[in-house]
PDB file of all heavy atoms in Angstrom:
ATOM      1  N   ASN A   1      -6.222  -2.616 -10.230  1.00  0.00           N
ATOM      2  CA  ASN A   1      -7.232  -3.634  -9.927  1.00  0.00           C
ATOM      3  C   ASN A   1      -6.649  -4.805  -9.134  1.00  0.00           C
ATOM      4  O   ASN A   1      -7.336  -5.390  -8.296  1.00  0.00           O
ATOM      5  CB  ASN A   1      -7.868  -4.143 -11.213  1.00  0.00           C
ATOM      6  CG  ASN A   1      -8.759  -3.110 -11.887  1.00  0.00           C
ATOM      7  OD1 ASN A   1      -8.851  -3.065 -13.113  1.00  0.00           O
ATOM      8  ND2 ASN A   1      -9.413  -2.274 -11.095  1.00  0.00           N
ATOM      9  N   SER A   2      -5.394  -5.124  -9.377  1.00  0.00           N
ATOM     10  CA  SER A   2      -4.772  -6.262  -8.721  1.00  0.00           C
ATOM     11  C   SER A   2      -4.599  -6.075  -7.217  1.00  0.00           C
ATOM     12  O   SER A   2      -4.450  -7.055  -6.490  1.00  0.00           O
ATOM     13  CB  SER A   2      -3.416  -6.564  -9.362  1.00  0.00           C
ATOM     14  OG  SER A   2      -2.555  -5.446  -9.273  1.00  0.00           O
ATOM     15  N   VAL A   3      -4.613  -4.817  -6.753  1.00  0.00           N
ATOM     16  CA  VAL A   3      -4.409  -4.550  -5.329  1.00  0.00           C
ATOM     17  C   VAL A   3      -5.565  -3.793  -4.700  1.00  0.00           C
ATOM     18  O   VAL A   3      -5.565  -3.566  -3.481  1.00  0.00           O
ATOM     19  CB  VAL A   3      -3.098  -3.777  -5.079  1.00  0.00           C
ATOM     20  CG1 VAL A   3      -1.920  -4.518  -5.688  1.00  0.00           C
ATOM     21  CG2 VAL A   3      -3.184  -2.359  -5.634  1.00  0.00           C
ATOM     22  N   LYS A   4      -6.542  -3.413  -5.490  1.00  0.00           N
ATOM     23  CA  LYS A   4      -7.673  -2.638  -4.991  1.00  0.00           C
ATOM     24  C   LYS A   4      -8.389  -3.390  -3.875  1.00  0.00           C
ATOM     25  O   LYS A   4      -8.697  -4.571  -3.991  1.00  0.00           O
ATOM     26  CB  LYS A   4      -8.635  -2.330  -6.133  1.00  0.00           C
ATOM     27  CG  LYS A   4      -9.648  -1.235  -5.829  1.00  0.00           C
ATOM     28  CD  LYS A   4     -10.427  -0.846  -7.091  1.00  0.00           C
ATOM     29  CE  LYS A   4      -9.518  -0.256  -8.157  1.00  0.00           C
ATOM     30  NZ  LYS A   4     -10.280   0.180  -9.365  1.00  0.00           N
ATOM     31  N   GLY A   5      -8.643  -2.684  -2.775  1.00  0.00           N
ATOM     32  CA  GLY A   5      -9.286  -3.293  -1.627  1.00  0.00           C
ATOM     33  C   GLY A   5      -8.317  -3.939  -0.666  1.00  0.00           C
ATOM     34  O   GLY A   5      -8.712  -4.317   0.446  1.00  0.00           O
ATOM     35  N   ARG A   6      -7.059  -4.085  -1.063  1.00  0.00           N
ATOM     36  CA  ARG A   6      -6.046  -4.698  -0.208  1.00  0.00           C
ATOM     37  C   ARG A   6      -4.946  -3.713   0.187  1.00  0.00           C
ATOM     38  O   ARG A   6      -4.414  -3.796   1.297  1.00  0.00           O
ATOM     39  CB  ARG A   6      -5.413  -5.900  -0.900  1.00  0.00           C
ATOM     40  CG  ARG A   6      -6.407  -7.004  -1.248  1.00  0.00           C
ATOM     41  CD  ARG A   6      -5.695  -8.260  -1.730  1.00  0.00           C
ATOM     42  NE  ARG A   6      -4.941  -8.027  -2.967  1.00  0.00           N
ATOM     43  CZ  ARG A   6      -3.620  -8.160  -3.066  1.00  0.00           C
ATOM     44  NH1 ARG A   6      -2.900  -8.526  -2.014  1.00  0.00           N
ATOM     45  NH2 ARG A   6      -3.014  -7.941  -4.237  1.00  0.00           N
ATOM     46  N   PHE A   7      -4.597  -2.808  -0.714  1.00  0.00           N
ATOM     47  CA  PHE A   7      -3.546  -1.821  -0.462  1.00  0.00           C
ATOM     48  C   PHE A   7      -4.166  -0.443  -0.288  1.00  0.00           C
ATOM     49  O   PHE A   7      -5.103  -0.077  -1.002  1.00  0.00           O
ATOM     50  CB  PHE A   7      -2.556  -1.755  -1.625  1.00  0.00           C
ATOM     51  CG  PHE A   7      -1.704  -2.978  -1.820  1.00  0.00           C
ATOM     52  CD1 PHE A   7      -1.910  -4.137  -1.089  1.00  0.00           C
ATOM     53  CD2 PHE A   7      -0.675  -2.954  -2.749  1.00  0.00           C
ATOM     54  CE1 PHE A   7      -1.119  -5.257  -1.279  1.00  0.00           C
ATOM     55  CE2 PHE A   7       0.126  -4.059  -2.946  1.00  0.00           C
ATOM     56  CZ  PHE A   7      -0.086  -5.213  -2.222  1.00  0.00           C
ATOM     57  N   THR A   8      -3.622   0.341   0.637  1.00  0.00           N
ATOM     58  CA  THR A   8      -4.076   1.703   0.866  1.00  0.00           C
ATOM     59  C   THR A   8      -2.881   2.648   0.862  1.00  0.00           C
ATOM     60  O   THR A   8      -1.894   2.411   1.559  1.00  0.00           O
ATOM     61  CB  THR A   8      -4.819   1.831   2.205  1.00  0.00           C
ATOM     62  OG1 THR A   8      -5.933   0.933   2.218  1.00  0.00           O
ATOM     63  CG2 THR A   8      -5.328   3.258   2.399  1.00  0.00           C
ATOM     64  N   ASN A   9      -2.974   3.707   0.080  1.00  0.00           N
ATOM     65  CA  ASN A   9      -1.907   4.688  -0.073  1.00  0.00           C
ATOM     66  C   ASN A   9      -2.263   5.943   0.724  1.00  0.00           C
ATOM     67  O   ASN A   9      -3.330   6.525   0.520  1.00  0.00           O
ATOM     68  CB  ASN A   9      -1.748   5.033  -1.552  1.00  0.00           C
ATOM     69  CG  ASN A   9      -0.447   5.722  -1.888  1.00  0.00           C
ATOM     70  OD1 ASN A   9       0.303   6.131  -1.010  1.00  0.00           O
ATOM     71  ND2 ASN A   9      -0.172   5.860  -3.183  1.00  0.00           N
ATOM     72  N   THR A  10      -1.384   6.354   1.632  1.00  0.00           N
ATOM     73  CA  THR A  10      -1.603   7.566   2.416  1.00  0.00           C
ATOM     74  C   THR A  10      -0.328   8.399   2.428  1.00  0.00           C
ATOM     75  O   THR A  10       0.749   7.901   2.100  1.00  0.00           O
ATOM     76  CB  THR A  10      -2.010   7.254   3.872  1.00  0.00           C
ATOM     77  OG1 THR A  10      -0.949   6.553   4.531  1.00  0.00           O
ATOM     78  CG2 THR A  10      -3.274   6.406   3.914  1.00  0.00           C
ATOM     79  N   ARG A  11      -0.454   9.666   2.801  1.00  0.00           N
ATOM     80  CA  ARG A  11       0.725  10.515   2.905  1.00  0.00           C
ATOM     81  C   ARG A  11       0.603  11.465   4.078  1.00  0.00           C
ATOM     82  O   ARG A  11      -0.497  11.847   4.482  1.00  0.00           O
ATOM     83  CB  ARG A  11       0.970  11.292   1.603  1.00  0.00           C
ATOM     84  CG  ARG A  11      -0.067  12.351   1.276  1.00  0.00           C
ATOM     85  CD  ARG A  11       0.166  12.908  -0.137  1.00  0.00           C
ATOM     86  NE  ARG A  11       1.417  13.636  -0.244  1.00  0.00           N
ATOM     87  CZ  ARG A  11       2.062  13.861  -1.396  1.00  0.00           C
ATOM     88  NH1 ARG A  11       1.568  13.388  -2.534  1.00  0.00           N
ATOM     89  NH2 ARG A  11       3.200  14.557  -1.394  1.00  0.00           N
ATOM     90  N   ASP A  12       1.750  11.844   4.609  1.00  0.00           N
ATOM     91  CA  ASP A  12       1.843  12.799   5.694  1.00  0.00           C
ATOM     92  C   ASP A  12       2.811  13.875   5.226  1.00  0.00           C
ATOM     93  O   ASP A  12       4.022  13.707   5.309  1.00  0.00           O
ATOM     94  CB  ASP A  12       2.341  12.125   6.969  1.00  0.00           C
ATOM     95  CG  ASP A  12       2.309  13.047   8.174  1.00  0.00           C
ATOM     96  OD1 ASP A  12       2.274  14.279   7.995  1.00  0.00           O
ATOM     97  OD2 ASP A  12       2.317  12.538   9.308  1.00  0.00           O
ATOM     98  N   ASN A  13       2.265  14.967   4.714  1.00  0.00           N
ATOM     99  CA  ASN A  13       3.119  16.018   4.158  1.00  0.00           C
ATOM    100  C   ASN A  13       3.989  16.688   5.220  1.00  0.00           C
ATOM    101  O   ASN A  13       5.078  17.174   4.912  1.00  0.00           O
ATOM    102  CB  ASN A  13       2.265  17.060   3.430  1.00  0.00           C
ATOM    103  CG  ASN A  13       1.785  16.567   2.080  1.00  0.00           C
ATOM    104  OD1 ASN A  13       2.239  15.534   1.586  1.00  0.00           O
ATOM    105  ND2 ASN A  13       0.864  17.305   1.475  1.00  0.00           N
ATOM    106  N   ALA A  14       3.528  16.725   6.460  1.00  0.00           N
ATOM    107  CA  ALA A  14       4.321  17.305   7.536  1.00  0.00           C
ATOM    108  C   ALA A  14       5.585  16.493   7.787  1.00  0.00           C
ATOM    109  O   ALA A  14       6.601  17.035   8.217  1.00  0.00           O
ATOM    110  CB  ALA A  14       3.499  17.405   8.817  1.00  0.00           C
ATOM    111  N   LYS A  15       5.525  15.183   7.510  1.00  0.00           N
ATOM    112  CA  LYS A  15       6.671  14.299   7.699  1.00  0.00           C
ATOM    113  C   LYS A  15       7.380  13.977   6.389  1.00  0.00           C
ATOM    114  O   LYS A  15       8.348  13.217   6.390  1.00  0.00           O
ATOM    115  CB  LYS A  15       6.233  12.999   8.369  1.00  0.00           C
ATOM    116  CG  LYS A  15       5.697  13.165   9.772  1.00  0.00           C
ATOM    117  CD  LYS A  15       5.312  11.815  10.364  1.00  0.00           C
ATOM    118  CE  LYS A  15       4.807  11.963  11.786  1.00  0.00           C
ATOM    119  NZ  LYS A  15       4.404  10.652  12.363  1.00  0.00           N
ATOM    120  N   SER A  16       6.900  14.532   5.287  1.00  0.00           N
ATOM    121  CA  SER A  16       7.458  14.267   3.953  1.00  0.00           C
ATOM    122  C   SER A  16       7.555  12.770   3.690  1.00  0.00           C
ATOM    123  O   SER A  16       8.559  12.271   3.186  1.00  0.00           O
ATOM    124  CB  SER A  16       8.837  14.927   3.813  1.00  0.00           C
ATOM    125  OG  SER A  16       8.731  16.333   3.901  1.00  0.00           O
ATOM    126  N   THR A  17       6.491  12.058   4.020  1.00  0.00           N
ATOM    127  CA  THR A  17       6.483  10.606   3.917  1.00  0.00           C
ATOM    128  C   THR A  17       5.175  10.114   3.312  1.00  0.00           C
ATOM    129  O   THR A  17       4.100  10.624   3.637  1.00  0.00           O
ATOM    130  CB  THR A  17       6.682   9.959   5.296  1.00  0.00           C
ATOM    131  OG1 THR A  17       7.919  10.406   5.853  1.00  0.00           O
ATOM    132  CG2 THR A  17       6.709   8.439   5.189  1.00  0.00           C
ATOM    133  N   VAL A  18       5.275   9.118   2.445  1.00  0.00           N
ATOM    134  CA  VAL A  18       4.115   8.449   1.887  1.00  0.00           C
ATOM    135  C   VAL A  18       4.173   6.989   2.324  1.00  0.00           C
ATOM    136  O   VAL A  18       5.263   6.417   2.478  1.00  0.00           O
ATOM    137  CB  VAL A  18       4.072   8.583   0.345  1.00  0.00           C
ATOM    138  CG1 VAL A  18       5.285   7.930  -0.301  1.00  0.00           C
ATOM    139  CG2 VAL A  18       2.781   8.009  -0.211  1.00  0.00           C
ATOM    140  N   TYR A  19       3.011   6.389   2.544  1.00  0.00           N
ATOM    141  CA  TYR A  19       2.926   5.027   3.036  1.00  0.00           C
ATOM    142  C   TYR A  19       2.097   4.164   2.095  1.00  0.00           C
ATOM    143  O   TYR A  19       1.161   4.629   1.450  1.00  0.00           O
ATOM    144  CB  TYR A  19       2.276   4.980   4.420  1.00  0.00           C
ATOM    145  CG  TYR A  19       2.935   5.854   5.448  1.00  0.00           C
ATOM    146  CD1 TYR A  19       2.476   7.147   5.683  1.00  0.00           C
ATOM    147  CD2 TYR A  19       4.018   5.389   6.192  1.00  0.00           C
ATOM    148  CE1 TYR A  19       3.079   7.955   6.630  1.00  0.00           C
ATOM    149  CE2 TYR A  19       4.620   6.191   7.142  1.00  0.00           C
ATOM    150  CZ  TYR A  19       4.152   7.469   7.359  1.00  0.00           C
ATOM    151  OH  TYR A  19       4.750   8.266   8.302  1.00  0.00           O
ATOM    152  N   LEU A  20       2.433   2.886   2.053  1.00  0.00           N
ATOM    153  CA  LEU A  20       1.622   1.906   1.353  1.00  0.00           C
ATOM    154  C   LEU A  20       1.276   0.812   2.361  1.00  0.00           C
ATOM    155  O   LEU A  20       2.144   0.042   2.772  1.00  0.00           O
ATOM    156  CB  LEU A  20       2.355   1.311   0.150  1.00  0.00           C
ATOM    157  CG  LEU A  20       1.528   0.355  -0.715  1.00  0.00           C
ATOM    158  CD1 LEU A  20       0.384   1.108  -1.397  1.00  0.00           C
ATOM    159  CD2 LEU A  20       2.398  -0.332  -1.759  1.00  0.00           C
ATOM    160  N   HIS A  21       0.014   0.784   2.763  1.00  0.00           N
ATOM    161  CA  HIS A  21      -0.471  -0.222   3.700  1.00  0.00           C
ATOM    162  C   HIS A  21      -0.933  -1.422   2.889  1.00  0.00           C
ATOM    163  O   HIS A  21      -1.869  -1.316   2.103  1.00  0.00           O
ATOM    164  CB  HIS A  21      -1.619   0.338   4.536  1.00  0.00           C
ATOM    165  CG  HIS A  21      -1.315   1.653   5.189  1.00  0.00           C
ATOM    166  ND1 HIS A  21      -0.870   1.747   6.491  1.00  0.00           N
ATOM    167  CD2 HIS A  21      -1.380   2.926   4.714  1.00  0.00           C
ATOM    168  CE1 HIS A  21      -0.684   3.022   6.799  1.00  0.00           C
ATOM    169  NE2 HIS A  21      -0.975   3.759   5.742  1.00  0.00           N
ATOM    170  N   MET A  22      -0.296  -2.562   3.096  1.00  0.00           N
ATOM    171  CA  MET A  22      -0.547  -3.763   2.316  1.00  0.00           C
ATOM    172  C   MET A  22      -1.184  -4.823   3.209  1.00  0.00           C
ATOM    173  O   MET A  22      -0.584  -5.246   4.190  1.00  0.00           O
ATOM    174  CB  MET A  22       0.761  -4.281   1.721  1.00  0.00           C
ATOM    175  CG  MET A  22       1.549  -3.205   0.972  1.00  0.00           C
ATOM    176  SD  MET A  22       3.273  -3.688   0.654  1.00  0.00           S
ATOM    177  CE  MET A  22       3.039  -5.007  -0.522  1.00  0.00           C
ATOM    178  N   ASN A  23      -2.394  -5.239   2.847  1.00  0.00           N
ATOM    179  CA  ASN A  23      -3.122  -6.249   3.611  1.00  0.00           C
ATOM    180  C   ASN A  23      -3.481  -7.430   2.729  1.00  0.00           C
ATOM    181  O   ASN A  23      -3.525  -7.318   1.508  1.00  0.00           O
ATOM    182  CB  ASN A  23      -4.395  -5.652   4.203  1.00  0.00           C
ATOM    183  CG  ASN A  23      -4.136  -4.510   5.145  1.00  0.00           C
ATOM    184  OD1 ASN A  23      -3.351  -4.629   6.083  1.00  0.00           O
ATOM    185  ND2 ASN A  23      -4.801  -3.378   4.909  1.00  0.00           N
ATOM    186  N   ASN A  24      -3.763  -8.565   3.372  1.00  0.00           N
ATOM    187  CA  ASN A  24      -4.146  -9.784   2.656  1.00  0.00           C
ATOM    188  C   ASN A  24      -3.190 -10.066   1.498  1.00  0.00           C
ATOM    189  O   ASN A  24      -3.597 -10.270   0.360  1.00  0.00           O
ATOM    190  CB  ASN A  24      -5.582  -9.663   2.148  1.00  0.00           C
ATOM    191  CG  ASN A  24      -6.138 -10.972   1.637  1.00  0.00           C
ATOM    192  OD1 ASN A  24      -5.696 -12.049   2.042  1.00  0.00           O
ATOM    193  ND2 ASN A  24      -7.111 -10.895   0.733  1.00  0.00           N
ATOM    194  N   LEU A  25      -1.924 -10.098   1.811  1.00  0.00           N
ATOM    195  CA  LEU A  25      -0.900 -10.265   0.780  1.00  0.00           C
ATOM    196  C   LEU A  25      -0.977 -11.628   0.108  1.00  0.00           C
ATOM    197  O   LEU A  25      -1.266 -12.639   0.752  1.00  0.00           O
ATOM    198  CB  LEU A  25       0.481 -10.052   1.380  1.00  0.00           C
ATOM    199  CG  LEU A  25       0.823  -8.581   1.646  1.00  0.00           C
ATOM    200  CD1 LEU A  25       1.954  -8.462   2.652  1.00  0.00           C
ATOM    201  CD2 LEU A  25       1.187  -7.884   0.334  1.00  0.00           C
ATOM    202  N   LYS A  26      -0.717 -11.627  -1.189  1.00  0.00           N
ATOM    203  CA  LYS A  26      -0.712 -12.830  -2.002  1.00  0.00           C
ATOM    204  C   LYS A  26       0.692 -13.088  -2.528  1.00  0.00           C
ATOM    205  O   LYS A  26       1.522 -12.186  -2.567  1.00  0.00           O
ATOM    206  CB  LYS A  26      -1.671 -12.665  -3.188  1.00  0.00           C
ATOM    207  CG  LYS A  26      -3.097 -12.308  -2.805  1.00  0.00           C
ATOM    208  CD  LYS A  26      -3.936 -12.066  -4.046  1.00  0.00           C
ATOM    209  CE  LYS A  26      -5.362 -11.716  -3.691  1.00  0.00           C
ATOM    210  NZ  LYS A  26      -6.184 -11.479  -4.909  1.00  0.00           N
ATOM    211  N   SER A  27       0.935 -14.310  -2.958  1.00  0.00           N
ATOM    212  CA  SER A  27       2.247 -14.641  -3.502  1.00  0.00           C
ATOM    213  C   SER A  27       2.566 -13.785  -4.725  1.00  0.00           C
ATOM    214  O   SER A  27       3.734 -13.460  -4.966  1.00  0.00           O
ATOM    215  CB  SER A  27       2.331 -16.122  -3.859  1.00  0.00           C
ATOM    216  OG  SER A  27       1.355 -16.476  -4.825  1.00  0.00           O
ATOM    217  N   GLU A  28       1.545 -13.403  -5.477  1.00  0.00           N
ATOM    218  CA  GLU A  28       1.727 -12.572  -6.658  1.00  0.00           C
ATOM    219  C   GLU A  28       2.201 -11.159  -6.330  1.00  0.00           C
ATOM    220  O   GLU A  28       2.606 -10.421  -7.235  1.00  0.00           O
ATOM    221  CB  GLU A  28       0.421 -12.469  -7.461  1.00  0.00           C
ATOM    222  CG  GLU A  28      -0.214 -13.802  -7.797  1.00  0.00           C
ATOM    223  CD  GLU A  28      -1.267 -14.208  -6.784  1.00  0.00           C
ATOM    224  OE1 GLU A  28      -0.894 -14.801  -5.750  1.00  0.00           O
ATOM    225  OE2 GLU A  28      -2.463 -13.937  -7.030  1.00  0.00           O
ATOM    226  N   ASP A  29       2.140 -10.778  -5.059  1.00  0.00           N
ATOM    227  CA  ASP A  29       2.601  -9.454  -4.643  1.00  0.00           C
ATOM    228  C   ASP A  29       4.111  -9.401  -4.447  1.00  0.00           C
ATOM    229  O   ASP A  29       4.668  -8.322  -4.211  1.00  0.00           O
ATOM    230  CB  ASP A  29       1.910  -9.027  -3.345  1.00  0.00           C
ATOM    231  CG  ASP A  29       0.413  -8.851  -3.516  1.00  0.00           C
ATOM    232  OD1 ASP A  29      -0.020  -8.310  -4.549  1.00  0.00           O
ATOM    233  OD2 ASP A  29      -0.327  -9.257  -2.596  1.00  0.00           O
ATOM    234  N   THR A  30       4.775 -10.540  -4.521  1.00  0.00           N
ATOM    235  CA  THR A  30       6.226 -10.586  -4.355  1.00  0.00           C
ATOM    236  C   THR A  30       6.905  -9.765  -5.446  1.00  0.00           C
ATOM    237  O   THR A  30       6.710 -10.009  -6.633  1.00  0.00           O
ATOM    238  CB  THR A  30       6.733 -12.032  -4.395  1.00  0.00           C
ATOM    239  OG1 THR A  30       6.206 -12.750  -3.268  1.00  0.00           O
ATOM    240  CG2 THR A  30       8.252 -12.080  -4.350  1.00  0.00           C
ATOM    241  N   ALA A  31       7.699  -8.778  -5.040  1.00  0.00           N
ATOM    242  CA  ALA A  31       8.365  -7.886  -5.985  1.00  0.00           C
ATOM    243  C   ALA A  31       9.228  -6.896  -5.220  1.00  0.00           C
ATOM    244  O   ALA A  31       9.151  -6.806  -3.992  1.00  0.00           O
ATOM    245  CB  ALA A  31       7.335  -7.121  -6.825  1.00  0.00           C
TER     246      ALA A  31
END
């Protein structure tokens, strides 16, 4: 819930890579 609507998780199995797209970042996201 803390990141819903701001973060998007995608993957590209051909590249063996997963991505986390982070938008509208807040100070609470620091980690």
